[in-house]
Amino acid sequence: MRFPRAALSGLILLTAAQAALAQSAPYDDKMLRLSEVLGSLHYLRNLCGEKGNDWRRQMEAVLEAESPEGERRKRYVAAFNRGYRSYAAIHTTCTDASMAAIESYMKEGEALSREIVVRFGG
């Protein structure tokens, strides 16, 4: 017996969706946002005088601790890069707006980190 083409396509999509879900964790949305915040801070803090890779190293520590594989790892890295590029595209000098964004992201990153640990830490 053969599957109708539409049913086979649906089965393939369902299998792909299940594989993607199997590679995710219940806190991935929070971790993706944290990755984006770290990317933004990496750009902005260096723009405003901090020299170094502290925020990139923080992201590397997240990746090491979480050990995401495949597509999940790619999503984390893409979120970091998106955070970095979103500010690199519009901020070329440190301004009051840049400083305000840093302050906001520092608070958000701290809150996200705390929430991830409290809700999902074991």
C-alpha atoms as a PDB file:
ATOM      1  CA  MET A   1       0.000   0.000   0.000  1.00  0.00           C
ATOM      2  CA  ARG A   2       1.297   3.470  -0.854  1.00  0.00           C
ATOM      3  CA  PHE A   3       0.773   6.658   1.093  1.00  0.00           C
ATOM      4  CA  PRO A   4      -0.816   9.482  -0.826  1.00  0.00           C
ATOM      5  CA  ARG A   5       1.786  12.159  -1.547  1.00  0.00           C
ATOM      6  CA  ALA A   6       0.088  14.670   0.800  1.00  0.00           C
ATOM      7  CA  ALA A   7       0.032  12.154   3.657  1.00  0.00           C
ATOM      8  CA  LEU A   8       3.697  11.318   3.128  1.00  0.00           C
ATOM      9  CA  SER A   9       4.601  15.006   3.108  1.00  0.00           C
ATOM     10  CA  GLY A  10       2.638  15.493   6.320  1.00  0.00           C
ATOM     11  CA  LEU A  11       4.386  12.527   7.930  1.00  0.00           C
ATOM     12  CA  ILE A  12       7.789  13.929   6.965  1.00  0.00           C
ATOM     13  CA  LEU A  13       6.877  17.338   8.424  1.00  0.00           C
ATOM     14  CA  LEU A  14       5.568  15.735  11.616  1.00  0.00           C
ATOM     15  CA  THR A  15       8.743  13.681  12.004  1.00  0.00           C
ATOM     16  CA  ALA A  16      10.898  16.777  11.448  1.00  0.00           C
ATOM     17  CA  ALA A  17       8.841  18.721  14.005  1.00  0.00           C
ATOM     18  CA  GLN A  18       9.153  15.918  16.552  1.00  0.00           C
ATOM     19  CA  ALA A  19      12.916  15.755  15.986  1.00  0.00           C
ATOM     20  CA  ALA A  20      13.161  19.516  16.543  1.00  0.00           C
ATOM     21  CA  LEU A  21      11.146  19.259  19.753  1.00  0.00           C
ATOM     22  CA  ALA A  22      13.330  16.407  20.943  1.00  0.00           C
ATOM     23  CA  GLN A  23      16.326  18.718  20.567  1.00  0.00           C
ATOM     24  CA  SER A  24      14.834  21.498  22.648  1.00  0.00           C
ATOM     25  CA  ALA A  25      14.410  22.099  26.332  1.00  0.00           C
ATOM     26  CA  PRO A  26      11.480  23.757  28.110  1.00  0.00           C
ATOM     27  CA  TYR A  27      13.675  26.768  28.866  1.00  0.00           C
ATOM     28  CA  ASP A  28      15.034  27.262  25.343  1.00  0.00           C
ATOM     29  CA  ASP A  29      13.038  30.449  24.747  1.00  0.00           C
ATOM     30  CA  LYS A  30      14.642  31.996  27.817  1.00  0.00           C
ATOM     31  CA  MET A  31      18.091  30.715  26.821  1.00  0.00           C
ATOM     32  CA  LEU A  32      17.702  32.073  23.308  1.00  0.00           C
ATOM     33  CA  ARG A  33      16.779  35.472  24.690  1.00  0.00           C
ATOM     34  CA  LEU A  34      19.739  35.328  27.080  1.00  0.00           C
ATOM     35  CA  SER A  35      21.994  34.499  24.124  1.00  0.00           C
ATOM     36  CA  GLU A  36      20.659  37.530  22.253  1.00  0.00           C
ATOM     37  CA  VAL A  37      21.202  39.750  25.298  1.00  0.00           C
ATOM     38  CA  LEU A  38      24.793  38.512  25.600  1.00  0.00           C
ATOM     39  CA  GLY A  39      25.408  39.327  21.930  1.00  0.00           C
ATOM     40  CA  SER A  40      24.013  42.823  22.390  1.00  0.00           C
ATOM     41  CA  LEU A  41      26.150  43.387  25.465  1.00  0.00           C
ATOM     42  CA  HIS A  42      29.238  42.088  23.681  1.00  0.00           C
ATOM     43  CA  TYR A  43      28.820  44.758  21.028  1.00  0.00           C
ATOM     44  CA  LEU A  44      27.618  47.628  23.188  1.00  0.00           C
ATOM     45  CA  ARG A  45      30.068  47.232  26.073  1.00  0.00           C
ATOM     46  CA  ASN A  46      33.003  47.215  23.648  1.00  0.00           C
ATOM     47  CA  LEU A  47      31.549  50.191  21.807  1.00  0.00           C
ATOM     48  CA  CYS A  48      31.383  52.105  25.076  1.00  0.00           C
ATOM     49  CA  GLY A  49      34.942  51.473  26.192  1.00  0.00           C
ATOM     50  CA  GLU A  50      35.132  47.955  27.586  1.00  0.00           C
ATOM     51  CA  LYS A  51      37.805  46.090  25.671  1.00  0.00           C
ATOM     52  CA  GLY A  52      37.761  42.335  25.522  1.00  0.00           C
ATOM     53  CA  ASN A  53      35.630  39.302  24.970  1.00  0.00           C
ATOM     54  CA  ASP A  54      34.008  38.886  28.372  1.00  0.00           C
ATOM     55  CA  TRP A  55      30.481  38.667  26.964  1.00  0.00           C
ATOM     56  CA  ARG A  56      31.521  36.264  24.205  1.00  0.00           C
ATOM     57  CA  ARG A  57      33.177  34.130  26.886  1.00  0.00           C
ATOM     58  CA  GLN A  58      29.921  34.224  28.852  1.00  0.00           C
ATOM     59  CA  MET A  59      28.172  32.883  25.771  1.00  0.00           C
ATOM     60  CA  GLU A  60      30.817  30.178  25.378  1.00  0.00           C
ATOM     61  CA  ALA A  61      30.243  29.222  29.026  1.00  0.00           C
ATOM     62  CA  VAL A  62      26.494  28.953  28.348  1.00  0.00           C
ATOM     63  CA  LEU A  63      27.181  26.693  25.380  1.00  0.00           C
ATOM     64  CA  GLU A  64      29.613  24.578  27.364  1.00  0.00           C
ATOM     65  CA  ALA A  65      27.228  24.192  30.300  1.00  0.00           C
ATOM     66  CA  GLU A  66      24.174  23.511  28.161  1.00  0.00           C
ATOM     67  CA  SER A  67      25.937  21.388  25.500  1.00  0.00           C
ATOM     68  CA  PRO A  68      23.279  21.935  22.835  1.00  0.00           C
ATOM     69  CA  GLU A  69      23.756  19.934  19.661  1.00  0.00           C
ATOM     70  CA  GLY A  70      22.872  20.409  16.025  1.00  0.00           C
ATOM     71  CA  GLU A  71      20.066  22.833  15.264  1.00  0.00           C
ATOM     72  CA  ARG A  72      19.639  23.785  18.895  1.00  0.00           C
ATOM     73  CA  ARG A  73      23.259  24.961  19.102  1.00  0.00           C
ATOM     74  CA  LYS A  74      22.838  26.849  15.834  1.00  0.00           C
ATOM     75  CA  ARG A  75      19.816  28.667  17.278  1.00  0.00           C
ATOM     76  CA  TYR A  76      21.789  29.760  20.357  1.00  0.00           C
ATOM     77  CA  VAL A  77      24.678  31.034  18.231  1.00  0.00           C
ATOM     78  CA  ALA A  78      22.297  32.746  15.804  1.00  0.00           C
ATOM     79  CA  ALA A  79      20.571  34.523  18.703  1.00  0.00           C
ATOM     80  CA  PHE A  80      23.931  35.799  20.021  1.00  0.00           C
ATOM     81  CA  ASN A  81      24.894  37.007  16.545  1.00  0.00           C
ATOM     82  CA  ARG A  82      21.495  38.637  16.033  1.00  0.00           C
ATOM     83  CA  GLY A  83      21.918  40.593  19.279  1.00  0.00           C
ATOM     84  CA  TYR A  84      25.380  41.719  18.225  1.00  0.00           C
ATOM     85  CA  ARG A  85      24.411  42.679  14.678  1.00  0.00           C
ATOM     86  CA  SER A  86      21.217  44.476  15.657  1.00  0.00           C
ATOM     87  CA  TYR A  87      23.260  47.091  17.494  1.00  0.00           C
ATOM     88  CA  ALA A  88      26.262  47.058  15.173  1.00  0.00           C
ATOM     89  CA  ALA A  89      23.917  48.123  12.374  1.00  0.00           C
ATOM     90  CA  ILE A  90      22.752  51.306  14.114  1.00  0.00           C
ATOM     91  CA  HIS A  91      25.225  52.234  16.875  1.00  0.00           C
ATOM     92  CA  THR A  92      28.624  53.385  15.645  1.00  0.00           C
ATOM     93  CA  THR A  93      29.529  55.517  18.650  1.00  0.00           C
ATOM     94  CA  CYS A  94      28.707  55.241  22.312  1.00  0.00           C
ATOM     95  CA  THR A  95      25.748  57.471  23.103  1.00  0.00           C
ATOM     96  CA  ASP A  96      23.356  57.967  25.985  1.00  0.00           C
ATOM     97  CA  ALA A  97      21.021  55.551  24.181  1.00  0.00           C
ATOM     98  CA  SER A  98      23.822  52.957  24.032  1.00  0.00           C
ATOM     99  CA  MET A  99      24.444  53.344  27.752  1.00  0.00           C
ATOM    100  CA  ALA A 100      20.730  53.033  28.499  1.00  0.00           C
ATOM    101  CA  ALA A 101      20.570  49.864  26.392  1.00  0.00           C
ATOM    102  CA  ILE A 102      23.523  48.420  28.310  1.00  0.00           C
ATOM    103  CA  GLU A 103      21.815  49.114  31.611  1.00  0.00           C
ATOM    104  CA  SER A 104      18.572  47.591  30.391  1.00  0.00           C
ATOM    105  CA  TYR A 105      20.284  44.476  29.024  1.00  0.00           C
ATOM    106  CA  MET A 106      22.305  43.998  32.193  1.00  0.00           C
ATOM    107  CA  LYS A 107      19.082  43.944  34.213  1.00  0.00           C
ATOM    108  CA  GLU A 108      17.314  41.684  31.712  1.00  0.00           C
ATOM    109  CA  GLY A 109      20.244  39.264  31.554  1.00  0.00           C
ATOM    110  CA  GLU A 110      20.393  39.045  35.319  1.00  0.00           C
ATOM    111  CA  ALA A 111      16.636  38.463  35.543  1.00  0.00           C
ATOM    112  CA  LEU A 112      16.727  35.799  32.821  1.00  0.00           C
ATOM    113  CA  SER A 113      19.633  34.004  34.467  1.00  0.00           C
ATOM    114  CA  ARG A 114      17.894  34.015  37.827  1.00  0.00           C
ATOM    115  CA  GLU A 115      14.592  32.834  36.339  1.00  0.00           C
ATOM    116  CA  ILE A 116      16.228  29.986  34.399  1.00  0.00           C
ATOM    117  CA  VAL A 117      17.984  28.745  37.523  1.00  0.00           C
ATOM    118  CA  VAL A 118      14.953  29.085  39.798  1.00  0.00           C
ATOM    119  CA  ARG A 119      12.414  27.591  37.383  1.00  0.00           C
ATOM    120  CA  PHE A 120      14.478  24.983  35.595  1.00  0.00           C
ATOM    121  CA  GLY A 121      17.573  24.349  37.720  1.00  0.00           C
ATOM    122  CA  GLY A 122      17.601  21.142  39.461  1.00  0.00           C
END
